[in-house]
N, C-alpha and C. Protein backbone atom coordinates (compact mmCIF):
# COMPACT_ATOMS: atom_id res chain seq x y z
N MET A 1 -35.03 45.90 59.56
CA MET A 1 -35.80 46.97 60.09
C MET A 1 -37.29 46.80 59.79
N GLY A 2 -37.56 46.51 58.45
CA GLY A 2 -38.91 46.45 57.95
C GLY A 2 -39.47 45.22 58.58
N CYS A 3 -38.88 44.08 58.84
CA CYS A 3 -39.45 42.95 59.50
C CYS A 3 -39.86 43.27 60.95
N ALA A 4 -38.83 43.97 61.61
CA ALA A 4 -39.01 44.35 62.99
C ALA A 4 -40.29 45.22 63.15
N THR A 5 -40.37 46.17 62.24
CA THR A 5 -41.50 47.15 62.27
C THR A 5 -42.88 46.40 62.10
N THR A 6 -42.86 45.43 61.13
CA THR A 6 -44.07 44.64 60.95
C THR A 6 -44.49 43.89 62.14
N SER A 7 -43.50 43.31 62.79
CA SER A 7 -43.77 42.48 63.97
C SER A 7 -44.29 43.35 65.14
N VAL A 8 -43.72 44.59 65.33
CA VAL A 8 -44.20 45.48 66.30
C VAL A 8 -45.64 45.98 65.93
N LYS A 9 -45.82 46.20 64.66
CA LYS A 9 -47.17 46.62 64.22
C LYS A 9 -48.24 45.72 64.60
N ILE A 10 -47.90 44.37 64.31
CA ILE A 10 -48.85 43.31 64.63
C ILE A 10 -49.13 43.23 66.13
N THR A 11 -48.00 43.38 66.90
CA THR A 11 -48.08 43.34 68.39
C THR A 11 -48.91 44.48 68.87
N SER A 12 -48.69 45.64 68.26
CA SER A 12 -49.53 46.78 68.69
C SER A 12 -51.01 46.57 68.45
N ILE A 13 -51.39 45.97 67.30
CA ILE A 13 -52.76 45.69 66.96
C ILE A 13 -53.37 44.73 68.03
N VAL A 14 -52.61 43.70 68.27
CA VAL A 14 -53.03 42.69 69.23
C VAL A 14 -53.19 43.23 70.67
N LEU A 15 -52.25 44.00 71.10
CA LEU A 15 -52.25 44.60 72.43
C LEU A 15 -53.41 45.55 72.60
N ASN A 16 -53.60 46.37 71.57
CA ASN A 16 -54.70 47.34 71.61
C ASN A 16 -56.07 46.66 71.61
N ALA A 17 -56.13 45.54 70.92
CA ALA A 17 -57.38 44.76 70.85
C ALA A 17 -57.65 44.22 72.27
N ILE A 18 -56.57 43.70 72.96
CA ILE A 18 -56.72 43.15 74.28
C ILE A 18 -57.14 44.24 75.24
N LEU A 19 -56.57 45.43 75.11
CA LEU A 19 -56.88 46.64 75.87
C LEU A 19 -58.37 47.01 75.70
N ALA A 20 -58.80 46.95 74.46
CA ALA A 20 -60.23 47.25 74.21
C ALA A 20 -61.17 46.30 74.90
N PHE A 21 -60.76 44.90 74.74
CA PHE A 21 -61.58 43.90 75.36
C PHE A 21 -61.54 44.05 76.86
N LEU A 22 -60.43 44.39 77.57
CA LEU A 22 -60.44 44.69 78.97
C LEU A 22 -61.32 45.80 79.36
N ALA A 23 -61.32 46.89 78.55
CA ALA A 23 -62.16 48.04 78.78
C ALA A 23 -63.59 47.73 78.75
N VAL A 24 -63.96 46.89 77.80
CA VAL A 24 -65.38 46.43 77.61
C VAL A 24 -65.73 45.57 78.81
N GLY A 25 -64.80 44.70 79.17
CA GLY A 25 -65.14 43.80 80.40
C GLY A 25 -65.24 44.65 81.68
N ALA A 26 -64.40 45.72 81.78
CA ALA A 26 -64.58 46.58 82.94
C ALA A 26 -65.84 47.33 83.05
N ILE A 27 -66.35 47.74 81.87
CA ILE A 27 -67.64 48.40 81.75
C ILE A 27 -68.76 47.48 82.15
N GLY A 28 -68.62 46.20 81.70
CA GLY A 28 -69.68 45.23 82.12
C GLY A 28 -69.61 44.94 83.61
N TRP A 29 -68.41 44.85 84.14
CA TRP A 29 -68.23 44.55 85.57
C TRP A 29 -68.82 45.70 86.40
N ILE A 30 -68.57 46.97 85.96
CA ILE A 30 -69.08 48.09 86.65
C ILE A 30 -70.63 48.12 86.61
N ALA A 31 -71.15 47.76 85.43
CA ALA A 31 -72.62 47.69 85.36
C ALA A 31 -73.28 46.76 86.32
N VAL A 32 -72.57 45.54 86.54
CA VAL A 32 -73.17 44.52 87.35
C VAL A 32 -73.08 44.96 88.84
N HIS A 33 -71.98 45.73 89.18
CA HIS A 33 -71.72 46.05 90.65
C HIS A 33 -72.04 47.51 90.85
N ALA A 34 -72.74 48.24 90.04
CA ALA A 34 -73.04 49.67 90.17
C ALA A 34 -73.80 49.92 91.50
N ASP A 35 -74.57 49.03 91.94
CA ASP A 35 -75.38 49.22 93.20
C ASP A 35 -74.56 49.26 94.50
N THR A 36 -73.28 48.75 94.37
CA THR A 36 -72.50 48.74 95.51
C THR A 36 -71.46 49.97 95.65
N GLU A 37 -71.51 50.78 94.69
CA GLU A 37 -70.56 51.97 94.59
C GLU A 37 -71.38 53.18 94.48
N SER A 38 -70.72 54.37 94.70
CA SER A 38 -71.31 55.73 94.64
C SER A 38 -71.61 56.06 93.24
N GLU A 39 -72.53 56.96 92.99
CA GLU A 39 -72.88 57.33 91.60
C GLU A 39 -71.69 57.98 90.89
N GLU A 40 -70.98 58.89 91.75
CA GLU A 40 -69.85 59.56 91.15
C GLU A 40 -68.75 58.58 90.72
N PHE A 41 -68.47 57.56 91.52
CA PHE A 41 -67.48 56.57 91.13
C PHE A 41 -67.87 55.79 89.96
N VAL A 42 -69.11 55.45 89.86
CA VAL A 42 -69.53 54.65 88.60
C VAL A 42 -69.50 55.45 87.36
N ILE A 43 -69.87 56.78 87.44
CA ILE A 43 -69.79 57.64 86.22
C ILE A 43 -68.35 57.87 85.83
N ALA A 44 -67.40 58.11 86.81
CA ALA A 44 -66.01 58.29 86.51
C ALA A 44 -65.43 57.00 85.83
N ALA A 45 -65.80 55.83 86.42
CA ALA A 45 -65.26 54.62 85.87
C ALA A 45 -65.74 54.39 84.52
N TYR A 46 -67.03 54.74 84.17
CA TYR A 46 -67.60 54.51 82.87
C TYR A 46 -66.85 55.49 81.86
N VAL A 47 -66.63 56.68 82.27
CA VAL A 47 -65.96 57.65 81.39
C VAL A 47 -64.53 57.17 81.09
N ALA A 48 -63.83 56.76 82.15
CA ALA A 48 -62.47 56.25 81.98
C ALA A 48 -62.36 55.11 81.03
N CYS A 49 -63.24 54.18 81.19
CA CYS A 49 -63.26 52.85 80.30
C CYS A 49 -63.61 53.28 78.96
N ALA A 50 -64.51 54.16 78.73
CA ALA A 50 -64.88 54.61 77.40
C ALA A 50 -63.76 55.30 76.67
N ILE A 51 -62.98 56.10 77.38
CA ILE A 51 -61.80 56.78 76.81
C ILE A 51 -60.78 55.78 76.40
N ILE A 52 -60.57 54.79 77.37
CA ILE A 52 -59.55 53.71 77.09
C ILE A 52 -59.99 52.92 75.80
N LEU A 53 -61.30 52.65 75.71
CA LEU A 53 -61.76 51.93 74.51
C LEU A 53 -61.54 52.72 73.26
N LEU A 54 -61.83 54.02 73.29
CA LEU A 54 -61.62 54.94 72.18
C LEU A 54 -60.21 54.92 71.64
N PHE A 55 -59.31 55.04 72.60
CA PHE A 55 -57.80 55.11 72.17
C PHE A 55 -57.24 53.85 71.86
N ALA A 56 -57.79 52.75 72.33
CA ALA A 56 -57.42 51.36 71.87
C ALA A 56 -57.83 51.21 70.43
N PHE A 57 -59.03 51.65 70.05
CA PHE A 57 -59.38 51.61 68.59
C PHE A 57 -58.54 52.50 67.71
N LEU A 58 -58.24 53.66 68.30
CA LEU A 58 -57.36 54.62 67.56
C LEU A 58 -56.01 53.99 67.40
N GLY A 59 -55.44 53.29 68.32
CA GLY A 59 -54.14 52.64 68.17
C GLY A 59 -54.23 51.61 67.10
N ILE A 60 -55.33 50.78 67.04
CA ILE A 60 -55.42 49.78 66.01
C ILE A 60 -55.44 50.38 64.65
N PHE A 61 -56.35 51.48 64.50
CA PHE A 61 -56.54 52.16 63.20
C PHE A 61 -55.20 52.77 62.73
N ALA A 62 -54.50 53.41 63.66
CA ALA A 62 -53.29 54.07 63.41
C ALA A 62 -52.17 53.09 62.94
N ALA A 63 -52.03 51.97 63.54
CA ALA A 63 -51.11 50.91 63.14
C ALA A 63 -51.46 50.30 61.77
N VAL A 64 -52.68 50.11 61.52
CA VAL A 64 -53.18 49.55 60.16
C VAL A 64 -52.84 50.53 59.07
N ARG A 65 -53.13 51.82 59.35
CA ARG A 65 -52.85 52.87 58.35
C ARG A 65 -51.42 53.34 58.26
N GLU A 66 -50.62 52.89 59.26
CA GLU A 66 -49.21 53.36 59.33
C GLU A 66 -49.12 54.85 59.32
N SER A 67 -49.97 55.42 60.18
CA SER A 67 -50.05 56.97 60.20
C SER A 67 -49.17 57.43 61.37
N VAL A 68 -48.25 58.24 61.04
CA VAL A 68 -47.34 58.82 62.04
C VAL A 68 -48.10 59.70 62.99
N CYS A 69 -49.01 60.56 62.45
CA CYS A 69 -49.79 61.55 63.30
C CYS A 69 -50.72 60.78 64.19
N LEU A 70 -51.50 59.82 63.74
CA LEU A 70 -52.43 59.10 64.58
C LEU A 70 -51.71 58.22 65.59
N THR A 71 -50.54 57.60 65.21
CA THR A 71 -49.82 56.79 66.16
C THR A 71 -49.23 57.66 67.24
N ALA A 72 -48.63 58.82 66.89
CA ALA A 72 -48.15 59.72 67.90
C ALA A 72 -49.22 60.24 68.84
N THR A 73 -50.38 60.56 68.28
CA THR A 73 -51.51 61.00 69.05
C THR A 73 -51.99 60.02 70.07
N SER A 74 -52.03 58.75 69.56
CA SER A 74 -52.44 57.58 70.37
C SER A 74 -51.48 57.43 71.59
N ALA A 75 -50.17 57.58 71.28
CA ALA A 75 -49.17 57.45 72.27
C ALA A 75 -49.22 58.50 73.35
N VAL A 76 -49.43 59.70 72.86
CA VAL A 76 -49.51 60.85 73.89
C VAL A 76 -50.74 60.67 74.83
N PHE A 77 -51.87 60.32 74.24
CA PHE A 77 -53.13 60.24 75.00
C PHE A 77 -53.12 59.05 75.91
N LEU A 78 -52.46 57.92 75.42
CA LEU A 78 -52.31 56.75 76.38
C LEU A 78 -51.49 57.08 77.57
N LEU A 79 -50.38 57.81 77.34
CA LEU A 79 -49.62 58.26 78.46
C LEU A 79 -50.40 59.17 79.37
N LEU A 80 -51.14 60.16 78.80
CA LEU A 80 -51.90 61.12 79.60
C LEU A 80 -53.01 60.39 80.34
N LEU A 81 -53.50 59.30 79.78
CA LEU A 81 -54.54 58.57 80.48
C LEU A 81 -53.93 57.74 81.55
N ALA A 82 -52.71 57.13 81.36
CA ALA A 82 -52.18 56.28 82.33
C ALA A 82 -51.71 56.91 83.63
N ILE A 83 -51.19 58.18 83.45
CA ILE A 83 -50.66 58.93 84.64
C ILE A 83 -51.79 59.12 85.75
N PRO A 84 -52.93 59.77 85.38
CA PRO A 84 -53.95 59.99 86.35
C PRO A 84 -54.53 58.70 86.87
N GLN A 85 -54.50 57.64 86.05
CA GLN A 85 -55.10 56.38 86.50
C GLN A 85 -54.15 55.77 87.60
N ILE A 86 -52.85 55.86 87.37
CA ILE A 86 -51.92 55.46 88.39
C ILE A 86 -52.12 56.07 89.65
N VAL A 87 -52.19 57.45 89.58
CA VAL A 87 -52.43 58.27 90.78
C VAL A 87 -53.67 57.93 91.49
N SER A 88 -54.81 57.84 90.70
CA SER A 88 -56.16 57.55 91.30
C SER A 88 -56.15 56.12 91.96
N THR A 89 -55.47 55.17 91.35
CA THR A 89 -55.45 53.79 91.82
C THR A 89 -54.71 53.68 93.20
N ILE A 90 -53.56 54.44 93.23
CA ILE A 90 -52.80 54.55 94.43
C ILE A 90 -53.63 55.19 95.64
N MET A 91 -54.29 56.29 95.23
CA MET A 91 -55.10 56.95 96.17
C MET A 91 -56.25 56.09 96.63
N PHE A 92 -56.81 55.26 95.74
CA PHE A 92 -57.92 54.37 96.02
C PHE A 92 -57.50 53.34 96.95
N VAL A 93 -56.26 52.83 96.80
CA VAL A 93 -55.79 51.83 97.65
C VAL A 93 -55.63 52.24 99.14
N HIS A 94 -55.08 53.45 99.26
CA HIS A 94 -54.78 53.97 100.67
C HIS A 94 -55.97 54.74 101.27
N GLN A 95 -56.91 55.30 100.53
CA GLN A 95 -57.96 56.05 101.11
C GLN A 95 -59.36 55.53 101.08
N PHE A 96 -59.61 54.64 100.10
CA PHE A 96 -60.89 54.11 99.95
C PHE A 96 -61.25 53.17 101.12
N GLU A 97 -62.43 53.43 101.73
CA GLU A 97 -62.96 52.57 102.77
C GLU A 97 -64.00 51.67 102.23
N VAL A 98 -63.88 50.34 102.49
CA VAL A 98 -64.83 49.42 101.96
C VAL A 98 -66.20 49.68 102.57
N LYS A 99 -67.20 49.68 101.69
CA LYS A 99 -68.54 49.94 102.17
C LYS A 99 -68.96 49.05 103.38
N SER A 100 -69.65 49.50 104.40
CA SER A 100 -69.99 48.82 105.55
C SER A 100 -71.24 47.92 105.24
N ALA A 101 -71.05 46.66 105.28
CA ALA A 101 -72.07 45.73 105.07
C ALA A 101 -73.09 45.78 106.21
N GLN A 102 -72.52 46.03 107.45
CA GLN A 102 -73.43 46.01 108.57
C GLN A 102 -74.48 47.12 108.52
N THR A 103 -74.05 48.29 107.98
CA THR A 103 -75.02 49.40 107.79
C THR A 103 -76.09 49.03 106.80
N THR A 104 -75.66 48.43 105.70
CA THR A 104 -76.62 47.95 104.67
C THR A 104 -77.61 46.98 105.15
N VAL A 105 -77.17 45.95 105.95
CA VAL A 105 -77.98 44.90 106.38
C VAL A 105 -78.88 45.42 107.52
N GLU A 106 -78.33 46.28 108.39
CA GLU A 106 -79.20 46.83 109.51
C GLU A 106 -80.37 47.61 108.94
N LEU A 107 -80.08 48.44 107.94
CA LEU A 107 -81.16 49.20 107.33
C LEU A 107 -82.23 48.33 106.74
N ALA A 108 -81.78 47.28 106.03
CA ALA A 108 -82.75 46.31 105.39
C ALA A 108 -83.52 45.56 106.51
N TRP A 109 -82.84 45.16 107.58
CA TRP A 109 -83.49 44.46 108.64
C TRP A 109 -84.53 45.35 109.34
N GLN A 110 -84.20 46.57 109.59
CA GLN A 110 -85.12 47.54 110.28
C GLN A 110 -86.36 47.81 109.37
N ALA A 111 -86.13 47.80 108.09
CA ALA A 111 -87.20 48.13 107.19
C ALA A 111 -87.94 46.83 106.78
N ASN A 112 -87.59 45.68 107.36
CA ASN A 112 -88.17 44.46 107.07
C ASN A 112 -88.10 44.12 105.60
N ASN A 113 -86.94 44.40 105.07
CA ASN A 113 -86.70 44.23 103.59
C ASN A 113 -85.43 43.37 103.33
N MET A 114 -85.39 42.23 104.02
CA MET A 114 -84.27 41.28 103.89
C MET A 114 -84.39 40.43 102.73
N ASP A 115 -85.48 40.14 102.26
CA ASP A 115 -85.74 39.11 101.18
C ASP A 115 -84.82 39.33 99.99
N GLY A 116 -84.74 40.66 99.55
CA GLY A 116 -83.96 40.92 98.29
C GLY A 116 -82.37 40.59 98.64
N LEU A 117 -81.92 41.00 99.68
CA LEU A 117 -80.55 40.80 100.09
C LEU A 117 -80.28 39.27 100.18
N GLN A 118 -81.15 38.63 100.82
CA GLN A 118 -80.96 37.12 101.12
C GLN A 118 -80.93 36.31 99.85
N GLN A 119 -81.75 36.63 98.82
CA GLN A 119 -81.77 35.97 97.62
C GLN A 119 -80.62 36.28 96.77
N LYS A 120 -80.25 37.64 96.74
CA LYS A 120 -79.17 38.06 95.89
C LYS A 120 -77.88 37.58 96.32
N TYR A 121 -77.53 37.63 97.68
CA TYR A 121 -76.29 37.28 98.13
C TYR A 121 -76.27 35.89 98.79
N GLU A 122 -77.33 35.09 98.72
CA GLU A 122 -77.44 33.76 99.24
C GLU A 122 -76.94 33.74 100.68
N CYS A 123 -77.63 34.46 101.55
CA CYS A 123 -77.40 34.52 102.95
C CYS A 123 -78.69 34.50 103.70
N CYS A 124 -78.60 34.49 105.04
CA CYS A 124 -79.81 34.42 105.81
C CYS A 124 -79.54 35.19 107.19
N GLY A 125 -80.51 36.12 107.47
CA GLY A 125 -80.42 36.95 108.71
C GLY A 125 -79.23 37.88 108.74
N LYS A 126 -79.10 38.54 109.87
CA LYS A 126 -77.85 39.34 109.98
C LYS A 126 -76.60 38.57 110.22
N SER A 127 -76.67 37.65 111.22
CA SER A 127 -75.53 36.82 111.43
C SER A 127 -75.71 35.39 110.99
N SER A 128 -76.97 34.93 111.06
CA SER A 128 -77.39 33.61 110.58
C SER A 128 -78.89 33.47 110.74
N ALA A 129 -79.37 32.34 110.39
CA ALA A 129 -80.79 32.10 110.52
C ALA A 129 -81.37 32.11 111.94
N GLN A 130 -80.33 32.02 112.84
CA GLN A 130 -80.74 32.08 114.28
C GLN A 130 -81.35 33.40 114.68
N ASP A 131 -81.04 34.48 113.85
CA ASP A 131 -81.62 35.80 114.19
C ASP A 131 -83.14 35.74 114.15
N TYR A 132 -83.72 35.00 113.26
CA TYR A 132 -85.17 34.78 113.18
C TYR A 132 -85.67 33.97 114.29
N VAL A 133 -84.84 32.92 114.59
CA VAL A 133 -85.22 31.90 115.60
C VAL A 133 -85.35 32.63 116.98
N HIS A 134 -84.35 33.53 117.24
CA HIS A 134 -84.29 34.19 118.58
C HIS A 134 -85.48 35.14 118.71
N LEU A 135 -86.06 35.60 117.58
CA LEU A 135 -87.16 36.54 117.59
C LEU A 135 -88.49 35.81 117.55
N ARG A 136 -88.35 34.43 117.52
CA ARG A 136 -89.51 33.48 117.38
C ARG A 136 -90.30 33.79 116.07
N GLN A 137 -89.53 34.02 115.11
CA GLN A 137 -90.13 34.22 113.74
C GLN A 137 -89.77 33.02 112.86
N LEU A 138 -90.70 32.80 111.87
CA LEU A 138 -90.38 31.79 110.89
C LEU A 138 -89.22 32.26 110.00
N ILE A 139 -88.35 31.31 109.67
CA ILE A 139 -87.34 31.64 108.74
C ILE A 139 -87.99 31.81 107.29
N PRO A 140 -87.78 33.00 106.72
CA PRO A 140 -88.49 33.27 105.48
C PRO A 140 -88.00 32.34 104.30
N PRO A 141 -88.79 32.13 103.26
CA PRO A 141 -88.45 31.40 102.12
C PRO A 141 -87.18 31.94 101.39
N SER A 142 -86.98 33.23 101.45
CA SER A 142 -85.79 33.82 100.84
C SER A 142 -84.49 33.36 101.44
N CYS A 143 -84.54 32.59 102.58
CA CYS A 143 -83.33 32.07 103.18
C CYS A 143 -82.97 30.70 102.58
N TYR A 144 -83.67 30.28 101.56
CA TYR A 144 -83.49 28.98 101.12
C TYR A 144 -83.16 29.05 99.55
N ILE A 145 -82.35 28.04 99.12
CA ILE A 145 -81.96 27.95 97.69
C ILE A 145 -83.34 27.72 96.85
N ASP A 146 -83.49 28.55 95.91
CA ASP A 146 -84.72 28.56 94.98
C ASP A 146 -85.92 28.61 95.80
N LEU A 147 -85.98 29.25 96.98
CA LEU A 147 -87.13 29.30 97.90
C LEU A 147 -87.65 27.94 98.27
N ASP A 148 -86.84 26.88 98.18
CA ASP A 148 -87.30 25.54 98.52
C ASP A 148 -86.99 25.31 100.02
N GLN A 149 -88.02 25.42 100.90
CA GLN A 149 -87.84 25.42 102.33
C GLN A 149 -87.51 23.94 102.91
N LYS A 150 -86.35 23.51 102.52
CA LYS A 150 -85.86 22.28 103.05
C LYS A 150 -84.60 22.59 103.94
N PRO A 151 -84.38 21.86 104.97
CA PRO A 151 -83.21 22.16 105.88
C PRO A 151 -81.86 22.16 105.10
N GLU A 152 -81.69 21.23 104.19
CA GLU A 152 -80.53 21.20 103.46
C GLU A 152 -80.25 22.27 102.47
N HIS A 153 -81.31 23.06 102.17
CA HIS A 153 -81.27 24.14 101.21
C HIS A 153 -81.10 25.51 101.92
N LEU A 154 -81.02 25.52 103.24
CA LEU A 154 -80.96 26.73 103.96
C LEU A 154 -79.57 27.39 103.90
N TYR A 155 -79.57 28.71 103.63
CA TYR A 155 -78.22 29.44 103.56
C TYR A 155 -77.63 29.49 104.89
N VAL A 156 -76.40 29.15 105.04
CA VAL A 156 -75.75 29.13 106.33
C VAL A 156 -75.26 30.37 106.79
N GLU A 157 -74.60 31.18 105.85
CA GLU A 157 -73.91 32.34 106.13
C GLU A 157 -74.88 33.59 106.44
N GLY A 158 -74.49 34.47 107.43
CA GLY A 158 -75.25 35.60 107.68
C GLY A 158 -75.00 36.66 106.61
N CYS A 159 -75.95 37.60 106.37
CA CYS A 159 -75.79 38.60 105.29
C CYS A 159 -74.63 39.63 105.63
N ILE A 160 -74.43 39.93 106.89
CA ILE A 160 -73.36 40.93 107.11
C ILE A 160 -71.96 40.37 106.72
N GLU A 161 -71.68 39.12 107.08
CA GLU A 161 -70.46 38.51 106.63
C GLU A 161 -70.30 38.29 105.23
N LYS A 162 -71.45 37.85 104.59
CA LYS A 162 -71.39 37.63 103.16
C LYS A 162 -71.20 38.91 102.35
N LEU A 163 -71.96 40.06 102.70
CA LEU A 163 -71.83 41.20 102.02
C LEU A 163 -70.48 41.88 102.21
N GLN A 164 -69.93 41.81 103.47
CA GLN A 164 -68.66 42.34 103.71
C GLN A 164 -67.57 41.69 102.84
N SER A 165 -67.59 40.41 102.77
CA SER A 165 -66.64 39.67 101.94
C SER A 165 -66.85 40.08 100.43
N ARG A 166 -67.99 40.27 100.02
CA ARG A 166 -68.33 40.66 98.68
C ARG A 166 -67.75 42.05 98.39
N TYR A 167 -67.98 43.00 99.31
CA TYR A 167 -67.42 44.35 99.12
C TYR A 167 -65.95 44.40 99.01
N GLU A 168 -65.27 43.62 99.99
CA GLU A 168 -63.79 43.61 99.99
C GLU A 168 -63.27 42.95 98.71
N ASN A 169 -63.94 41.81 98.27
CA ASN A 169 -63.44 41.24 97.05
C ASN A 169 -63.57 42.16 95.85
N ASP A 170 -64.77 42.88 95.87
CA ASP A 170 -64.93 43.82 94.80
C ASP A 170 -63.80 44.93 94.70
N LYS A 171 -63.39 45.43 95.86
CA LYS A 171 -62.28 46.39 95.99
C LYS A 171 -61.03 45.81 95.36
N LEU A 172 -60.69 44.55 95.76
CA LEU A 172 -59.56 43.86 95.33
C LEU A 172 -59.54 43.67 93.76
N ARG A 173 -60.76 43.24 93.27
CA ARG A 173 -60.91 43.07 91.84
C ARG A 173 -60.66 44.37 91.03
N PHE A 174 -61.20 45.48 91.63
CA PHE A 174 -61.15 46.74 90.94
C PHE A 174 -59.59 47.19 90.93
N ILE A 175 -58.88 46.96 91.97
CA ILE A 175 -57.43 47.29 92.03
C ILE A 175 -56.69 46.53 90.97
N ILE A 176 -56.95 45.17 90.89
CA ILE A 176 -56.27 44.33 89.98
C ILE A 176 -56.54 44.71 88.53
N VAL A 177 -57.79 44.97 88.22
CA VAL A 177 -58.23 45.36 86.84
C VAL A 177 -57.59 46.71 86.47
N SER A 178 -57.59 47.62 87.45
CA SER A 178 -57.06 48.99 87.18
C SER A 178 -55.53 48.91 86.89
N TRP A 179 -54.77 48.11 87.63
CA TRP A 179 -53.34 47.96 87.37
C TRP A 179 -52.99 47.23 86.08
N VAL A 180 -53.86 46.21 85.73
CA VAL A 180 -53.72 45.55 84.42
C VAL A 180 -53.97 46.49 83.28
N LEU A 181 -55.02 47.36 83.32
CA LEU A 181 -55.35 48.32 82.37
C LEU A 181 -54.13 49.29 82.30
N VAL A 182 -53.62 49.83 83.38
CA VAL A 182 -52.45 50.68 83.28
C VAL A 182 -51.25 50.04 82.59
N ALA A 183 -50.98 48.77 82.99
CA ALA A 183 -49.84 48.03 82.39
C ALA A 183 -50.01 48.01 80.87
N PHE A 184 -51.17 47.70 80.45
CA PHE A 184 -51.43 47.56 78.92
C PHE A 184 -51.33 48.96 78.32
N GLU A 185 -51.83 49.99 79.00
CA GLU A 185 -51.79 51.40 78.43
C GLU A 185 -50.25 51.78 78.24
N LEU A 186 -49.41 51.43 79.25
CA LEU A 186 -48.05 51.86 79.11
C LEU A 186 -47.34 51.07 78.10
N LEU A 187 -47.63 49.78 77.97
CA LEU A 187 -47.08 48.88 76.98
C LEU A 187 -47.40 49.41 75.60
N CYS A 188 -48.78 49.69 75.39
CA CYS A 188 -49.18 50.21 74.12
C CYS A 188 -48.58 51.60 73.80
N PHE A 189 -48.33 52.38 74.75
CA PHE A 189 -47.63 53.69 74.65
C PHE A 189 -46.24 53.45 74.07
N VAL A 190 -45.48 52.59 74.73
CA VAL A 190 -44.10 52.29 74.26
C VAL A 190 -44.13 51.80 72.85
N ILE A 191 -44.95 50.91 72.51
CA ILE A 191 -45.01 50.37 71.24
C ILE A 191 -45.42 51.50 70.14
N ALA A 192 -46.39 52.29 70.57
CA ALA A 192 -46.81 53.33 69.71
C ALA A 192 -45.73 54.35 69.39
N VAL A 193 -44.95 54.64 70.38
CA VAL A 193 -43.76 55.56 70.21
C VAL A 193 -42.79 54.92 69.20
N PHE A 194 -42.49 53.62 69.37
CA PHE A 194 -41.59 52.98 68.42
C PHE A 194 -42.15 52.96 67.01
N LEU A 195 -43.51 52.69 66.89
CA LEU A 195 -44.05 52.64 65.53
C LEU A 195 -44.09 54.05 64.87
N ALA A 196 -44.34 55.05 65.69
CA ALA A 196 -44.38 56.44 65.12
C ALA A 196 -42.96 56.80 64.54
N ILE A 197 -41.92 56.42 65.25
CA ILE A 197 -40.55 56.65 64.76
C ILE A 197 -40.33 55.80 63.56
N SER A 198 -40.75 54.57 63.53
CA SER A 198 -40.48 53.72 62.46
C SER A 198 -41.22 54.14 61.15
N PHE A 199 -42.48 54.54 61.37
CA PHE A 199 -43.29 55.07 60.24
C PHE A 199 -42.64 56.34 59.67
N ARG A 200 -42.19 57.23 60.59
CA ARG A 200 -41.50 58.43 60.06
C ARG A 200 -40.35 58.14 59.27
N ASN A 201 -39.48 57.26 59.78
CA ASN A 201 -38.31 56.90 59.04
C ASN A 201 -38.57 56.20 57.70
N LYS A 202 -39.73 55.50 57.64
CA LYS A 202 -40.04 54.83 56.37
C LYS A 202 -40.50 55.87 55.40
N GLN A 203 -41.26 56.83 55.85
CA GLN A 203 -41.70 58.03 54.98
C GLN A 203 -40.53 58.70 54.42
N ARG A 204 -39.46 58.95 55.29
CA ARG A 204 -38.29 59.70 54.83
C ARG A 204 -37.52 58.92 53.71
N ARG A 205 -37.50 57.63 53.97
CA ARG A 205 -36.71 56.79 53.04
C ARG A 205 -37.49 56.76 51.57
N LEU A 206 -38.78 56.76 51.65
CA LEU A 206 -39.59 56.72 50.42
C LEU A 206 -39.46 58.07 49.65
N GLN A 207 -39.05 59.22 50.34
CA GLN A 207 -38.93 60.49 49.67
C GLN A 207 -37.62 60.56 48.84
N PHE A 208 -36.74 59.62 49.05
CA PHE A 208 -35.44 59.71 48.33
C PHE A 208 -35.39 58.60 47.22
C-alpha cells in the first residue's frame, strides 16, 4: 500500500507539473493570438489558465506535504474547473463562428493599410498580387520576403485565403488544447482523490 501511494504521489506531482506547463503554454499562445480574438474571450482565457496554474501548483504542494486537506481541496476545485470547461468547449465547437478574414482584409484594403497584414501573414493583395496589377498599381514591397522586390520572393497567396486558414487553424488548436487541459484536470482529480484517501488512512494508522 505504501509503495503504491508513493508511486501515485510521484505521478500526481509529474501530472500537475505537466498541467502547469500546459497552462503557461496556453497563456503564451493566447498572448500571441490576442489580436484575432475578442477582448472578452482573451480575458476569460487568461483567467481560466491562471486558475489552472494555481491549482496545479496546489496539487504539487499538497502531494509533497501529504496533506489530506490540501489534496482534497485540489481535487474538488479541479473537478469544479473541469466541468464548466467541458461545457464551454462543447459550446465553442458548436456555436463559435470563425472570424471572417474577408472582412478584415477588405477593411485594410479600403483604408490602404495592407502592408501590415501582408508582412505579418506573408500574403499579397486580397486574392493575389494580381489585385494590384488589375488596378495598374505597383506591387508594394510588403508583398515580398524581407521586402526584397525580386520575383522569386513574391508572396503567392492572397491575404483573404491566408488569414481564413489561420483563423480556422487557431480555432482547431484552441479546441485541442482545451480538451487536453480537461483530460489532465480530470486525471489529476482522480489521482488527488486517491491520494487524499491514502493520506487519511496513513494518518489513522499512525494514531494507533
